[in-house]
Amino acid sequence: MNKELREWIVSIAIAVALVLVVRSFFFVQYQVSGDSMVPTFENKDRLVINKMATWSNGLNRGDVIVFHANKDKDYIKRLVGLPGDKVEYKNDTLYINGTAVEENYLKSNKALAPNGKLTEDFSVKTLSHSDGKDTIPKGKYLVLGDNRAISLDSRRPELGLIESKNVVGKVALRFWPFSSFETGFYEEDFDKVNK
């Protein structure tokens, strides 16, 4: 085998190894399936997920995350509550640790909701996997879909609060459709509770 061919084989092997390492530990591609995050994400949008956020304390309330709902399905939702948070909805308003969060990203969905009310009243203790506590237990997160009317999220008994260990990562960018290319899906409405 000549020297040039060996160099090509080594270069290709290194490139493949780097791609596998990046995919395994840093970033992964994801395709949205369903309408639970409309209008933020549409069915078949293609995303890049930042896996590093899960091990670098890089998750904040207001981020959009992907997580393993079960062994066969991954879901995409907005992270609303962290361990130790007291989260409740009253009169279609989100309260985190007693502070009202405006959620301007829901305006278009609220306009379509019957009677203008999008999200029913609930508190952490009414959710599955809360152990009946007022605050989110250690190792759990509260997630909600932006399209609340159809979203299977923490409000539903079959999902409830999710395990932090099941989080794949947070959405870093949408690359398809190319006309909707965008980065950064954190909502600034959560700034007042992420101090």
Protein backbone atom coordinates (compact mmCIF):
# COMPACT_ATOMS: atom_id res chain seq x y z
CA MET A 1 0.00 0.00 0.00
CA ASN A 2 1.51 3.29 -0.97
CA LYS A 3 2.03 6.17 1.44
CA GLU A 4 -0.64 8.44 -0.10
CA LEU A 5 -3.37 5.78 0.20
CA ARG A 6 -2.43 5.12 3.84
CA GLU A 7 -2.66 8.85 4.60
CA TRP A 8 -6.14 9.01 3.03
CA ILE A 9 -7.33 5.99 5.06
CA VAL A 10 -5.96 7.47 8.31
CA SER A 11 -7.54 10.87 7.54
CA ILE A 12 -10.94 9.31 6.82
CA ALA A 13 -10.75 7.18 9.98
CA ILE A 14 -9.94 10.25 12.10
CA ALA A 15 -12.80 12.23 10.51
CA VAL A 16 -15.28 9.39 11.18
CA ALA A 17 -14.05 9.10 14.78
CA LEU A 18 -14.47 12.85 15.31
CA VAL A 19 -18.02 12.78 13.91
CA LEU A 20 -18.92 9.89 16.23
CA VAL A 21 -17.47 11.68 19.26
CA VAL A 22 -19.27 14.94 18.44
CA ARG A 23 -22.57 13.08 17.87
CA SER A 24 -22.22 11.04 21.04
CA PHE A 25 -21.19 13.78 23.44
CA PHE A 26 -21.85 17.24 22.02
CA PHE A 27 -24.56 17.65 19.36
CA VAL A 28 -27.27 15.56 17.74
CA GLN A 29 -29.77 16.17 14.96
CA TYR A 30 -33.51 15.92 15.69
CA GLN A 31 -36.67 16.14 13.57
CA VAL A 32 -39.84 17.56 15.14
CA SER A 33 -42.77 15.18 14.96
CA GLY A 34 -46.17 16.73 15.67
CA ASP A 35 -47.62 20.14 16.47
CA SER A 36 -47.22 20.42 20.25
CA MET A 37 -44.69 23.26 19.92
CA VAL A 38 -46.49 25.33 17.23
CA PRO A 39 -45.84 28.17 16.45
CA THR A 40 -42.25 27.91 17.78
CA PHE A 41 -41.62 24.69 15.84
CA GLU A 42 -43.60 23.07 13.04
CA ASN A 43 -43.92 19.39 12.23
CA LYS A 44 -40.79 18.14 10.37
CA ASP A 45 -38.58 21.09 11.38
CA ARG A 46 -35.00 19.84 11.67
CA LEU A 47 -32.97 20.90 14.69
CA VAL A 48 -29.55 20.59 16.26
CA ILE A 49 -29.62 19.68 19.96
CA ASN A 50 -26.82 20.80 22.30
CA LYS A 51 -26.14 17.78 24.53
CA MET A 52 -23.46 19.63 26.52
CA ALA A 53 -26.17 21.70 28.24
CA THR A 54 -27.18 18.65 30.28
CA TRP A 55 -23.78 18.22 31.90
CA SER A 56 -22.68 21.84 32.14
CA ASN A 57 -25.66 23.19 34.14
CA GLY A 58 -26.71 24.94 30.96
CA LEU A 59 -30.48 24.37 31.25
CA ASN A 60 -32.70 27.29 32.26
CA ARG A 61 -36.40 27.84 32.62
CA GLY A 62 -37.60 28.97 29.21
CA ASP A 63 -35.23 26.76 27.19
CA VAL A 64 -36.67 24.30 24.68
CA ILE A 65 -35.41 20.77 25.39
CA VAL A 66 -35.61 17.30 23.90
CA PHE A 67 -36.00 14.35 26.26
CA HIS A 68 -36.71 10.63 26.23
CA ALA A 69 -40.41 10.29 27.09
CA ASN A 70 -40.02 6.50 27.02
CA LYS A 71 -37.69 3.98 25.38
CA ASP A 72 -39.28 4.54 21.96
CA LYS A 73 -40.14 8.26 21.85
CA ASP A 74 -38.41 11.58 22.34
CA TYR A 75 -40.44 14.74 23.00
CA ILE A 76 -39.67 18.41 22.51
CA LYS A 77 -41.09 20.84 25.12
CA ARG A 78 -40.33 24.07 26.94
CA LEU A 79 -38.60 23.71 30.31
CA VAL A 80 -40.74 25.65 32.79
CA GLY A 81 -39.76 24.35 36.24
CA LEU A 82 -36.53 23.19 37.87
CA PRO A 83 -36.01 21.13 41.05
CA GLY A 84 -37.12 23.11 44.11
CA ASP A 85 -39.46 25.40 42.12
CA LYS A 86 -43.03 26.02 43.16
CA VAL A 87 -44.89 26.26 39.84
CA GLU A 88 -48.60 26.90 39.39
CA TYR A 89 -51.04 28.16 36.82
CA LYS A 90 -53.90 30.39 37.99
CA ASN A 91 -56.31 32.19 35.66
CA ASP A 92 -54.13 31.38 32.63
CA THR A 93 -51.04 32.94 34.25
CA LEU A 94 -47.82 31.07 35.04
CA TYR A 95 -46.31 31.62 38.49
CA ILE A 96 -42.82 30.39 39.34
CA ASN A 97 -41.89 30.76 43.01
CA GLY A 98 -44.63 33.37 43.34
CA THR A 99 -43.46 35.49 40.38
CA ALA A 100 -45.80 35.88 37.39
CA VAL A 101 -44.22 35.03 34.02
CA GLU A 102 -45.84 36.72 31.04
CA GLU A 103 -45.19 34.08 28.31
CA ASN A 104 -45.52 36.37 25.29
CA TYR A 105 -44.60 33.45 23.02
CA LEU A 106 -48.13 32.06 23.65
CA LYS A 107 -50.03 35.10 22.29
CA SER A 108 -50.99 33.55 18.94
CA ASN A 109 -52.22 30.35 20.61
CA LYS A 110 -54.15 32.30 23.26
CA ALA A 111 -55.92 34.23 20.51
CA LEU A 112 -57.27 30.91 19.17
CA ALA A 113 -58.23 29.45 22.56
CA PRO A 114 -61.87 29.18 23.57
CA ASN A 115 -62.71 32.09 25.90
CA GLY A 116 -59.09 33.23 25.47
CA LYS A 117 -57.94 30.75 28.14
CA LEU A 118 -55.10 28.49 27.01
CA THR A 119 -53.81 26.70 30.12
CA GLU A 120 -55.96 25.21 32.86
CA ASP A 121 -55.17 25.80 36.54
CA PHE A 122 -52.70 23.36 38.12
CA SER A 123 -49.88 23.21 40.66
CA VAL A 124 -46.87 20.94 41.11
CA LYS A 125 -48.60 18.77 43.72
CA THR A 126 -51.36 17.86 41.23
CA LEU A 127 -48.85 16.45 38.72
CA SER A 128 -47.67 12.86 38.35
CA HIS A 129 -44.25 12.12 39.92
CA SER A 130 -44.48 15.12 42.30
CA ASP A 131 -44.90 12.89 45.36
CA GLY A 132 -47.73 15.27 46.36
CA LYS A 133 -45.22 18.06 47.13
CA ASP A 134 -45.70 21.78 46.38
CA THR A 135 -42.22 22.02 44.86
CA ILE A 136 -40.58 20.03 42.08
CA PRO A 137 -38.59 17.15 43.59
CA LYS A 138 -34.85 16.79 43.10
CA GLY A 139 -33.94 15.32 39.70
CA LYS A 140 -37.24 16.31 38.03
CA TYR A 141 -38.33 19.01 35.57
CA LEU A 142 -41.69 20.47 34.61
CA VAL A 143 -42.17 20.82 30.85
CA LEU A 144 -44.99 22.32 28.77
CA GLY A 145 -45.67 22.44 25.05
CA ASP A 146 -46.23 25.86 23.48
CA ASN A 147 -49.37 24.55 21.77
CA ARG A 148 -51.04 23.82 25.12
CA ALA A 149 -54.37 22.66 23.67
CA ILE A 150 -52.84 19.49 22.19
CA SER A 151 -49.53 19.04 24.02
CA LEU A 152 -48.81 15.87 25.96
CA ASP A 153 -46.64 17.43 28.66
CA SER A 154 -46.18 17.51 32.45
CA ARG A 155 -49.87 18.31 32.96
CA ARG A 156 -50.85 14.88 31.64
CA PRO A 157 -50.77 11.92 34.06
CA GLU A 158 -49.05 9.66 31.52
CA LEU A 159 -46.01 11.97 31.48
CA GLY A 160 -45.97 14.18 34.57
CA LEU A 161 -42.70 15.62 35.81
CA ILE A 162 -39.79 14.27 33.79
CA GLU A 163 -36.51 12.82 35.03
CA SER A 164 -33.53 15.13 34.49
CA LYS A 165 -31.47 12.09 33.44
CA ASN A 166 -33.79 11.63 30.43
CA VAL A 167 -32.97 15.04 28.93
CA VAL A 168 -31.03 14.76 25.66
CA GLY A 169 -30.22 18.48 25.49
CA LYS A 170 -31.54 21.89 24.54
CA VAL A 171 -32.37 23.13 21.07
CA ALA A 172 -29.43 25.08 19.66
CA LEU A 173 -30.67 25.82 16.15
CA ARG A 174 -33.25 25.08 13.48
CA PHE A 175 -31.60 24.42 10.11
CA TRP A 176 -34.57 23.17 8.08
CA PRO A 177 -36.57 24.51 6.46
CA PHE A 178 -33.70 26.80 5.53
CA SER A 179 -36.07 29.77 5.22
CA SER A 180 -36.75 29.36 8.97
CA PHE A 181 -33.11 29.05 10.05
CA GLU A 182 -32.85 30.32 13.61
CA THR A 183 -30.74 30.00 16.75
CA GLY A 184 -31.56 30.56 20.39
CA PHE A 185 -35.03 29.54 21.51
CA TYR A 186 -34.76 30.71 25.11
CA GLU A 187 -37.65 33.05 26.01
CA GLU A 188 -36.67 36.30 27.73
CA ASP A 189 -39.99 36.30 29.60
CA PHE A 190 -38.22 33.92 32.00
CA ASP A 191 -35.38 36.36 32.80
CA LYS A 192 -37.03 37.54 36.00
CA VAL A 193 -37.09 34.00 37.45
CA ASN A 194 -33.64 32.96 36.14
CA LYS A 195 -31.63 35.43 38.20
